[in-house]
């Protein structure tokens, strides 16, 4: 009956057959002589635990020209170490992947892209419907004193109707506006109102004091 060699015996016999010492193996593999001796004695409790044991066995096997997977199989047989199992077997995972990706044909992907673009467009349209016009009045400043006529300058969106004290003012192509108002002496309020085509409006008021 053929003798079933252990990992240690297999390494030891092959090393001696190649006329190599433990020091020779240690020098080439960078594994301490003490660890190599423990492996050949099948005393794996003396080695660092975890993946180090399998790493030492694999390195030693390659150095001696042995099949590392065969040697590791002997190690698992003798010491009851189970090979690492996958969390999900391939037979379960791969059919799921195929069934999912089967729905993503070029036609389906095209329809999905069109739907996404349309959705983004609708969102922007809804935002624009709710957005109020922007109005910036650069002159006059609020709570200041000035003489008549009072020059009013500012800028707004290009697609709005702008009125100053209920009088419509024209805009240039950049949305800028300016006009002059003849106002009576005393405290006055200048009301600038911008209304877009969707009926949304923004009002900016300036309180000034007109002096002689």
Foldseek 3Di string as FASTA:
>chain_A
DDDDDALLCVLVVLCVVVVHDLVRLCVVLVDDSVCNVCRNVVNCVPDDDDCVVLVVQQSSCVVSVHDSVVNVVRVCVVPVDDPDDDPDDPVVPVVVVCVVCVCVDVVNVVVVVVVVVVVVVVVVVVVVLPDAKDKDWPPDAAAEEEAPFGKTKTFIDQQKFKDKPNHTFDADNRRITMDTHGDDAAKDKIWIKIAHPSGHMDIDIGIYGHDD
